[in-house]
Every structure is written in C-alpha cells, then in structure tokens.
Amino acid sequence: MRKLILIGSLVLTAYTWAEVYENEIIFYQEFSPLKNEQEIAKFAEYYQSIVDKNEPDTLGWKFFKADDKVVEILRWKDSQAIVRHLENVSEGGIFENDFKSFNEHFAIESIKVYGNVDADVKKMLMDFGLPFEFYPLIAGYSR
C-alpha cells in the first residue's frame, strides 16, 4: 500500500511540474535571405535571444537553413503570446527597431499558422499585411 501511495504521489508531482500546452500555436515561416550567410546567422541568433529574454510565453523560436531559404519555426503558448509579440514589434514596442532590421535581413515569403488562433488575434495578424495561412487544430498535444 505504501508503494502505491508513493508511486501515486510521484506521478502527481511529475504531472504538476510538466507543462501541458493545450492552446499551443505554431508558425512555420519561409524567408528569402537578404544578406550574406554570416550576417543572417548573427542576426538570427540576436533576434531569437531577445524574444527568449522578453517573451516568456514564446515556447520556441528557431531558424533553419534550407537551400536558398531560411525557415523559422515559432511555438507560442497561446494566442495571447502572439499578441504580446505583435505589441513588441509594433510602433512604440520594445522590438520596433529590431523588427525593421528583421525585414532588412529577410523577405517573408509565407507564414503558415497551425493551431486555433483567436478571431481577434487572427485579424491583428492579417492587418500586418503578411502572407498568413491558417490551419486549425484537429487533435494533438504538446509538452
């Protein structure tokens, strides 16, 4: 009986520590690089580090080299994490100048959004005038 209680306690404790991201949203973006490979790598390292430092609800931010393109995969905790980022890159936001520099390094070709984005947030994204495509979640989980 003690073993059963101990095991049950351990399982509940592990579950409590583990974050489950039921509302996660993933962006898959493709860019054409506008600068040389070294400048792109340096800027990508810088940009992901400032997002990591300032946006705790951004779960992941990675840049990948893909032939003549750059692929970026972003993982957001939920729609509100996207709102925070949009506020940060907008006029007056803490990343306003960094986002201008982002657009000097990359030509955005496509942004595919996977997950259930709030209608208001979807409108905010579309107002940026970028090539968004939305794919709602059918089933799945993320840890």
N, C-alpha and C. Protein backbone atom coordinates (compact mmCIF):
# COMPACT_ATOMS: atom_id res chain seq x y z
N MET A 1 0.82 -1.19 0.00
CA MET A 1 0.00 0.00 0.00
C MET A 1 0.87 1.26 0.00
N ARG A 2 1.95 1.24 0.79
CA ARG A 2 2.86 2.39 0.82
C ARG A 2 3.47 2.66 -0.55
N LYS A 3 3.84 1.56 -1.23
CA LYS A 3 4.43 1.73 -2.56
C LYS A 3 3.43 2.39 -3.51
N LEU A 4 2.17 1.98 -3.42
CA LEU A 4 1.14 2.54 -4.28
C LEU A 4 0.95 4.04 -4.00
N ILE A 5 0.94 4.41 -2.75
CA ILE A 5 0.81 5.82 -2.38
C ILE A 5 2.02 6.61 -2.86
N LEU A 6 3.22 6.05 -2.67
CA LEU A 6 4.44 6.70 -3.12
C LEU A 6 4.44 6.90 -4.63
N ILE A 7 4.10 5.87 -5.36
CA ILE A 7 4.06 5.96 -6.82
C ILE A 7 3.03 6.99 -7.26
N GLY A 8 1.85 6.95 -6.63
CA GLY A 8 0.81 7.92 -6.95
C GLY A 8 1.27 9.34 -6.70
N SER A 9 1.96 9.56 -5.60
CA SER A 9 2.48 10.90 -5.27
C SER A 9 3.50 11.36 -6.29
N LEU A 10 4.39 10.45 -6.69
CA LEU A 10 5.40 10.79 -7.69
C LEU A 10 4.78 11.15 -9.03
N VAL A 11 3.78 10.39 -9.44
CA VAL A 11 3.10 10.66 -10.71
C VAL A 11 2.41 12.02 -10.66
N LEU A 12 1.69 12.30 -9.58
CA LEU A 12 1.02 13.59 -9.46
C LEU A 12 2.01 14.74 -9.42
N THR A 13 3.13 14.55 -8.73
CA THR A 13 4.16 15.59 -8.68
C THR A 13 4.75 15.83 -10.05
N ALA A 14 5.07 14.79 -10.78
CA ALA A 14 5.62 14.92 -12.13
C ALA A 14 4.62 15.62 -13.04
N TYR A 15 3.35 15.26 -12.91
CA TYR A 15 2.33 15.90 -13.74
C TYR A 15 2.23 17.39 -13.43
N THR A 16 2.33 17.73 -12.16
CA THR A 16 2.26 19.13 -11.75
C THR A 16 3.43 19.92 -12.32
N TRP A 17 4.62 19.33 -12.36
CA TRP A 17 5.80 20.01 -12.89
C TRP A 17 5.75 20.15 -14.39
N ALA A 18 5.14 19.19 -15.05
CA ALA A 18 5.10 19.20 -16.52
C ALA A 18 4.06 20.20 -16.99
N GLU A 19 4.45 21.05 -17.90
CA GLU A 19 3.53 22.00 -18.51
C GLU A 19 2.88 21.32 -19.71
N VAL A 20 1.59 21.46 -19.84
CA VAL A 20 0.88 20.95 -21.00
C VAL A 20 0.33 22.17 -21.73
N TYR A 21 0.65 22.28 -23.00
CA TYR A 21 0.28 23.45 -23.79
C TYR A 21 -0.88 23.10 -24.72
N GLU A 22 -2.08 23.10 -24.17
CA GLU A 22 -3.27 22.72 -24.93
C GLU A 22 -3.59 23.71 -26.03
N ASN A 23 -3.20 24.97 -25.86
CA ASN A 23 -3.55 26.01 -26.82
C ASN A 23 -2.36 26.46 -27.67
N GLU A 24 -1.33 25.63 -27.74
CA GLU A 24 -0.12 25.98 -28.49
C GLU A 24 -0.45 26.31 -29.94
N ILE A 25 0.25 27.31 -30.45
CA ILE A 25 0.13 27.70 -31.85
C ILE A 25 1.53 27.70 -32.45
N ILE A 26 1.67 27.14 -33.63
CA ILE A 26 2.97 27.01 -34.29
C ILE A 26 2.95 27.82 -35.59
N PHE A 27 4.01 28.60 -35.77
CA PHE A 27 4.21 29.31 -37.04
C PHE A 27 5.34 28.59 -37.78
N TYR A 28 5.11 28.33 -39.07
CA TYR A 28 6.15 27.82 -39.96
C TYR A 28 6.31 28.88 -41.04
N GLN A 29 7.47 29.55 -41.04
CA GLN A 29 7.69 30.68 -41.94
C GLN A 29 8.85 30.40 -42.88
N GLU A 30 8.71 30.87 -44.10
CA GLU A 30 9.79 30.75 -45.08
C GLU A 30 10.19 32.14 -45.54
N PHE A 31 11.51 32.37 -45.58
CA PHE A 31 12.06 33.66 -45.96
C PHE A 31 13.11 33.47 -47.04
N SER A 32 13.29 34.52 -47.83
CA SER A 32 14.47 34.64 -48.67
C SER A 32 15.44 35.52 -47.92
N PRO A 33 16.69 35.07 -47.76
CA PRO A 33 17.67 35.91 -47.05
C PRO A 33 18.06 37.11 -47.92
N LEU A 34 18.21 38.27 -47.28
CA LEU A 34 18.58 39.49 -48.00
C LEU A 34 20.01 39.92 -47.71
N LYS A 35 20.69 39.17 -46.87
CA LYS A 35 22.08 39.47 -46.52
C LYS A 35 22.89 38.18 -46.65
N ASN A 36 24.20 38.29 -46.45
CA ASN A 36 25.03 37.09 -46.58
C ASN A 36 24.80 36.15 -45.40
N GLU A 37 25.29 34.94 -45.54
CA GLU A 37 25.04 33.88 -44.56
C GLU A 37 25.51 34.23 -43.15
N GLN A 38 26.67 34.88 -43.04
CA GLN A 38 27.19 35.26 -41.72
C GLN A 38 26.31 36.31 -41.05
N GLU A 39 25.88 37.30 -41.82
CA GLU A 39 25.01 38.34 -41.26
C GLU A 39 23.66 37.76 -40.83
N ILE A 40 23.13 36.84 -41.64
CA ILE A 40 21.86 36.19 -41.30
C ILE A 40 22.01 35.40 -40.01
N ALA A 41 23.07 34.62 -39.89
CA ALA A 41 23.28 33.81 -38.69
C ALA A 41 23.43 34.68 -37.45
N LYS A 42 24.19 35.76 -37.57
CA LYS A 42 24.39 36.67 -36.44
C LYS A 42 23.08 37.32 -36.02
N PHE A 43 22.31 37.80 -37.00
CA PHE A 43 21.04 38.45 -36.68
C PHE A 43 20.04 37.44 -36.12
N ALA A 44 19.96 36.25 -36.70
CA ALA A 44 19.03 35.22 -36.21
C ALA A 44 19.33 34.89 -34.74
N GLU A 45 20.60 34.75 -34.40
CA GLU A 45 21.00 34.48 -33.02
C GLU A 45 20.55 35.62 -32.11
N TYR A 46 20.79 36.83 -32.54
CA TYR A 46 20.40 38.01 -31.76
C TYR A 46 18.88 38.06 -31.58
N TYR A 47 18.14 37.92 -32.67
CA TYR A 47 16.69 38.10 -32.61
C TYR A 47 16.03 37.06 -31.72
N GLN A 48 16.42 35.79 -31.89
CA GLN A 48 15.79 34.77 -31.05
C GLN A 48 16.14 34.98 -29.59
N SER A 49 17.32 35.53 -29.31
CA SER A 49 17.72 35.72 -27.91
C SER A 49 16.92 36.85 -27.25
N ILE A 50 16.58 37.92 -27.99
CA ILE A 50 15.79 38.99 -27.37
C ILE A 50 14.34 38.55 -27.15
N VAL A 51 13.83 37.72 -28.06
CA VAL A 51 12.49 37.19 -27.86
C VAL A 51 12.50 36.26 -26.63
N ASP A 52 13.48 35.40 -26.54
CA ASP A 52 13.59 34.48 -25.41
C ASP A 52 13.63 35.25 -24.08
N LYS A 53 14.39 36.32 -24.06
CA LYS A 53 14.56 37.12 -22.84
C LYS A 53 13.29 37.88 -22.45
N ASN A 54 12.52 38.34 -23.42
CA ASN A 54 11.42 39.27 -23.17
C ASN A 54 10.01 38.69 -23.31
N GLU A 55 9.89 37.48 -23.86
CA GLU A 55 8.57 36.92 -24.10
C GLU A 55 8.50 35.50 -23.54
N PRO A 56 8.21 35.36 -22.24
CA PRO A 56 8.23 34.04 -21.60
C PRO A 56 7.19 33.06 -22.13
N ASP A 57 6.13 33.55 -22.78
CA ASP A 57 5.11 32.65 -23.31
C ASP A 57 5.38 32.23 -24.75
N THR A 58 6.57 32.59 -25.25
CA THR A 58 7.02 32.06 -26.54
C THR A 58 7.81 30.79 -26.20
N LEU A 59 7.30 29.65 -26.64
CA LEU A 59 7.86 28.35 -26.23
C LEU A 59 9.09 27.95 -27.04
N GLY A 60 9.19 28.43 -28.25
CA GLY A 60 10.32 28.07 -29.10
C GLY A 60 10.46 29.05 -30.24
N TRP A 61 11.72 29.27 -30.67
CA TRP A 61 11.99 30.21 -31.77
C TRP A 61 13.27 29.74 -32.43
N LYS A 62 13.15 29.13 -33.60
CA LYS A 62 14.33 28.55 -34.25
C LYS A 62 14.38 28.94 -35.72
N PHE A 63 15.60 29.20 -36.17
CA PHE A 63 15.88 29.49 -37.57
C PHE A 63 16.62 28.29 -38.16
N PHE A 64 16.29 27.93 -39.40
CA PHE A 64 16.94 26.81 -40.08
C PHE A 64 17.36 27.24 -41.48
N LYS A 65 18.49 26.72 -41.93
CA LYS A 65 18.95 26.94 -43.30
C LYS A 65 18.31 25.86 -44.17
N ALA A 66 17.68 26.28 -45.25
CA ALA A 66 17.01 25.33 -46.15
C ALA A 66 17.29 25.75 -47.58
N ASP A 67 18.33 25.15 -48.18
CA ASP A 67 18.75 25.51 -49.53
C ASP A 67 18.96 27.02 -49.64
N ASP A 68 18.18 27.68 -50.48
CA ASP A 68 18.34 29.12 -50.67
C ASP A 68 17.37 29.93 -49.82
N LYS A 69 16.76 29.28 -48.82
CA LYS A 69 15.79 29.95 -47.96
C LYS A 69 16.20 29.81 -46.50
N VAL A 70 15.49 30.54 -45.66
CA VAL A 70 15.58 30.38 -44.22
C VAL A 70 14.18 30.00 -43.75
N VAL A 71 14.12 28.97 -42.92
CA VAL A 71 12.86 28.54 -42.33
C VAL A 71 12.91 28.90 -40.86
N GLU A 72 11.82 29.45 -40.38
CA GLU A 72 11.72 29.82 -38.97
C GLU A 72 10.50 29.09 -38.40
N ILE A 73 10.69 28.43 -37.26
CA ILE A 73 9.59 27.75 -36.59
C ILE A 73 9.44 28.37 -35.21
N LEU A 74 8.24 28.87 -34.95
CA LEU A 74 7.91 29.52 -33.69
C LEU A 74 6.83 28.72 -32.99
N ARG A 75 6.95 28.62 -31.68
CA ARG A 75 5.92 27.96 -30.88
C ARG A 75 5.44 28.94 -29.82
N TRP A 76 4.14 29.20 -29.84
CA TRP A 76 3.53 30.14 -28.90
C TRP A 76 2.67 29.37 -27.91
N LYS A 77 2.65 29.80 -26.66
CA LYS A 77 1.83 29.14 -25.63
C LYS A 77 0.35 29.23 -25.99
N ASP A 78 -0.07 30.37 -26.53
CA ASP A 78 -1.48 30.60 -26.87
C ASP A 78 -1.58 31.88 -27.69
N SER A 79 -2.79 32.28 -28.01
CA SER A 79 -2.99 33.50 -28.80
C SER A 79 -2.46 34.74 -28.10
N GLN A 80 -2.55 34.79 -26.79
CA GLN A 80 -2.08 35.97 -26.05
C GLN A 80 -0.57 36.13 -26.17
N ALA A 81 0.17 35.05 -26.31
CA ALA A 81 1.62 35.15 -26.52
C ALA A 81 1.90 35.82 -27.86
N ILE A 82 1.07 35.56 -28.84
CA ILE A 82 1.21 36.20 -30.15
C ILE A 82 0.91 37.70 -30.02
N VAL A 83 -0.12 38.03 -29.26
CA VAL A 83 -0.48 39.44 -29.05
C VAL A 83 0.70 40.19 -28.44
N ARG A 84 1.34 39.59 -27.45
CA ARG A 84 2.48 40.25 -26.82
C ARG A 84 3.58 40.53 -27.84
N HIS A 85 3.86 39.55 -28.69
CA HIS A 85 4.89 39.74 -29.70
C HIS A 85 4.48 40.84 -30.69
N LEU A 86 3.23 40.84 -31.11
CA LEU A 86 2.76 41.87 -32.04
C LEU A 86 2.89 43.26 -31.41
N GLU A 87 2.58 43.37 -30.14
CA GLU A 87 2.76 44.65 -29.45
C GLU A 87 4.24 45.04 -29.42
N ASN A 88 5.11 44.07 -29.19
CA ASN A 88 6.55 44.34 -29.10
C ASN A 88 7.15 44.79 -30.43
N VAL A 89 6.65 44.27 -31.56
CA VAL A 89 7.24 44.63 -32.86
C VAL A 89 6.54 45.83 -33.50
N SER A 90 5.43 46.25 -32.94
CA SER A 90 4.68 47.37 -33.49
C SER A 90 5.32 48.71 -33.11
N GLU A 91 4.83 49.78 -33.71
CA GLU A 91 5.33 51.12 -33.42
C GLU A 91 5.24 51.39 -31.91
N GLY A 92 6.36 51.80 -31.36
CA GLY A 92 6.44 52.08 -29.92
C GLY A 92 6.77 50.86 -29.08
N GLY A 93 6.81 49.68 -29.68
CA GLY A 93 7.13 48.45 -28.96
C GLY A 93 8.63 48.30 -28.74
N ILE A 94 9.00 47.44 -27.81
CA ILE A 94 10.43 47.28 -27.48
C ILE A 94 11.24 46.67 -28.62
N PHE A 95 10.59 46.01 -29.57
CA PHE A 95 11.30 45.42 -30.71
C PHE A 95 11.05 46.17 -32.01
N GLU A 96 10.49 47.36 -31.94
CA GLU A 96 10.14 48.09 -33.17
C GLU A 96 11.34 48.19 -34.12
N ASN A 97 12.47 48.66 -33.64
CA ASN A 97 13.65 48.80 -34.49
C ASN A 97 14.22 47.45 -34.89
N ASP A 98 14.14 46.47 -33.99
CA ASP A 98 14.62 45.12 -34.30
C ASP A 98 13.79 44.50 -35.42
N PHE A 99 12.48 44.75 -35.42
CA PHE A 99 11.62 44.21 -36.47
C PHE A 99 11.92 44.88 -37.81
N LYS A 100 12.24 46.16 -37.78
CA LYS A 100 12.66 46.83 -39.02
C LYS A 100 13.93 46.16 -39.55
N SER A 101 14.86 45.87 -38.65
CA SER A 101 16.10 45.19 -39.04
C SER A 101 15.79 43.77 -39.54
N PHE A 102 14.84 43.10 -38.89
CA PHE A 102 14.41 41.77 -39.33
C PHE A 102 14.02 41.82 -40.81
N ASN A 103 13.23 42.83 -41.16
CA ASN A 103 12.77 42.96 -42.55
C ASN A 103 13.87 43.39 -43.50
N GLU A 104 15.01 43.87 -42.99
CA GLU A 104 16.17 44.16 -43.83
C GLU A 104 17.01 42.90 -44.05
N HIS A 105 16.79 41.88 -43.22
CA HIS A 105 17.53 40.62 -43.33
C HIS A 105 16.75 39.53 -44.08
N PHE A 106 15.41 39.61 -44.02
CA PHE A 106 14.58 38.55 -44.58
C PHE A 106 13.43 39.12 -45.40
N ALA A 107 13.16 38.51 -46.56
CA ALA A 107 11.94 38.77 -47.31
C ALA A 107 10.98 37.64 -46.97
N ILE A 108 9.88 37.99 -46.34
CA ILE A 108 8.92 36.98 -45.87
C ILE A 108 8.13 36.46 -47.06
N GLU A 109 8.22 35.14 -47.29
CA GLU A 109 7.51 34.53 -48.41
C GLU A 109 6.19 33.90 -47.99
N SER A 110 6.19 33.22 -46.85
CA SER A 110 4.95 32.59 -46.39
C SER A 110 5.01 32.39 -44.88
N ILE A 111 3.82 32.44 -44.27
CA ILE A 111 3.68 32.18 -42.84
C ILE A 111 2.47 31.26 -42.68
N LYS A 112 2.75 30.03 -42.30
CA LYS A 112 1.68 29.06 -42.06
C LYS A 112 1.48 28.95 -40.55
N VAL A 113 0.24 29.10 -40.13
CA VAL A 113 -0.10 29.13 -38.71
C VAL A 113 -0.91 27.87 -38.40
N TYR A 114 -0.37 27.05 -37.49
CA TYR A 114 -1.00 25.79 -37.11
C TYR A 114 -1.52 25.90 -35.68
N GLY A 115 -2.82 25.76 -35.52
CA GLY A 115 -3.44 25.83 -34.20
C GLY A 115 -4.66 26.73 -34.24
N ASN A 116 -5.34 26.81 -33.11
CA ASN A 116 -6.57 27.58 -33.01
C ASN A 116 -6.27 28.99 -32.51
N VAL A 117 -6.25 29.91 -33.45
CA VAL A 117 -5.95 31.32 -33.15
C VAL A 117 -7.27 32.04 -32.89
N ASP A 118 -7.31 32.82 -31.80
CA ASP A 118 -8.49 33.64 -31.51
C ASP A 118 -8.81 34.51 -32.72
N ALA A 119 -10.11 34.74 -32.97
CA ALA A 119 -10.54 35.55 -34.12
C ALA A 119 -9.93 36.95 -34.09
N ASP A 120 -9.89 37.58 -32.92
CA ASP A 120 -9.31 38.92 -32.82
C ASP A 120 -7.83 38.92 -33.14
N VAL A 121 -7.13 37.89 -32.70
CA VAL A 121 -5.69 37.78 -32.96
C VAL A 121 -5.46 37.50 -34.44
N LYS A 122 -6.29 36.68 -35.03
CA LYS A 122 -6.18 36.41 -36.47
C LYS A 122 -6.31 37.71 -37.26
N LYS A 123 -7.27 38.55 -36.88
CA LYS A 123 -7.45 39.84 -37.54
C LYS A 123 -6.21 40.71 -37.36
N MET A 124 -5.66 40.74 -36.14
CA MET A 124 -4.44 41.52 -35.89
C MET A 124 -3.32 41.06 -36.81
N LEU A 125 -3.17 39.75 -36.96
CA LEU A 125 -2.12 39.20 -37.82
C LEU A 125 -2.36 39.63 -39.27
N MET A 126 -3.58 39.50 -39.73
CA MET A 126 -3.89 39.85 -41.13
C MET A 126 -3.67 41.34 -41.38
N ASP A 127 -3.87 42.18 -40.36
CA ASP A 127 -3.67 43.62 -40.51
C ASP A 127 -2.21 43.98 -40.77
N PHE A 128 -1.28 43.05 -40.48
CA PHE A 128 0.14 43.30 -40.77
C PHE A 128 0.43 43.20 -42.27
N GLY A 129 -0.51 42.66 -43.04
CA GLY A 129 -0.35 42.59 -44.49
C GLY A 129 0.64 41.53 -44.95
N LEU A 130 0.90 40.56 -44.11
CA LEU A 130 1.84 39.49 -44.46
C LEU A 130 1.07 38.26 -44.97
N PRO A 131 1.75 37.35 -45.69
CA PRO A 131 1.07 36.20 -46.32
C PRO A 131 0.77 35.06 -45.33
N PHE A 132 -0.23 35.27 -44.47
CA PHE A 132 -0.62 34.25 -43.49
C PHE A 132 -1.58 33.23 -44.10
N GLU A 133 -1.40 31.96 -43.70
CA GLU A 133 -2.34 30.88 -44.00
C GLU A 133 -2.63 30.22 -42.66
N PHE A 134 -3.89 29.88 -42.39
CA PHE A 134 -4.27 29.33 -41.10
C PHE A 134 -4.77 27.89 -41.24
N TYR A 135 -4.31 27.03 -40.32
CA TYR A 135 -4.66 25.63 -40.29
C TYR A 135 -5.08 25.25 -38.87
N PRO A 136 -6.41 25.16 -38.62
CA PRO A 136 -6.87 24.86 -37.26
C PRO A 136 -6.52 23.44 -36.82
N LEU A 137 -6.36 23.30 -35.52
CA LEU A 137 -6.03 22.02 -34.91
C LEU A 137 -7.20 21.06 -34.99
N ILE A 138 -6.91 19.82 -35.31
CA ILE A 138 -7.91 18.76 -35.27
C ILE A 138 -7.76 17.98 -33.96
N ALA A 139 -6.52 17.57 -33.67
CA ALA A 139 -6.24 16.83 -32.44
C ALA A 139 -4.74 16.87 -32.20
N GLY A 140 -4.34 16.70 -30.93
CA GLY A 140 -2.92 16.64 -30.63
C GLY A 140 -2.62 17.19 -29.25
N TYR A 141 -1.35 17.13 -28.89
CA TYR A 141 -0.91 17.67 -27.61
C TYR A 141 0.51 18.16 -27.77
N SER A 142 0.95 18.93 -26.78
CA SER A 142 2.32 19.41 -26.76
C SER A 142 2.76 19.52 -25.32
N ARG A 143 4.03 19.16 -25.06
CA ARG A 143 4.58 19.28 -23.70
C ARG A 143 5.78 20.17 -23.73
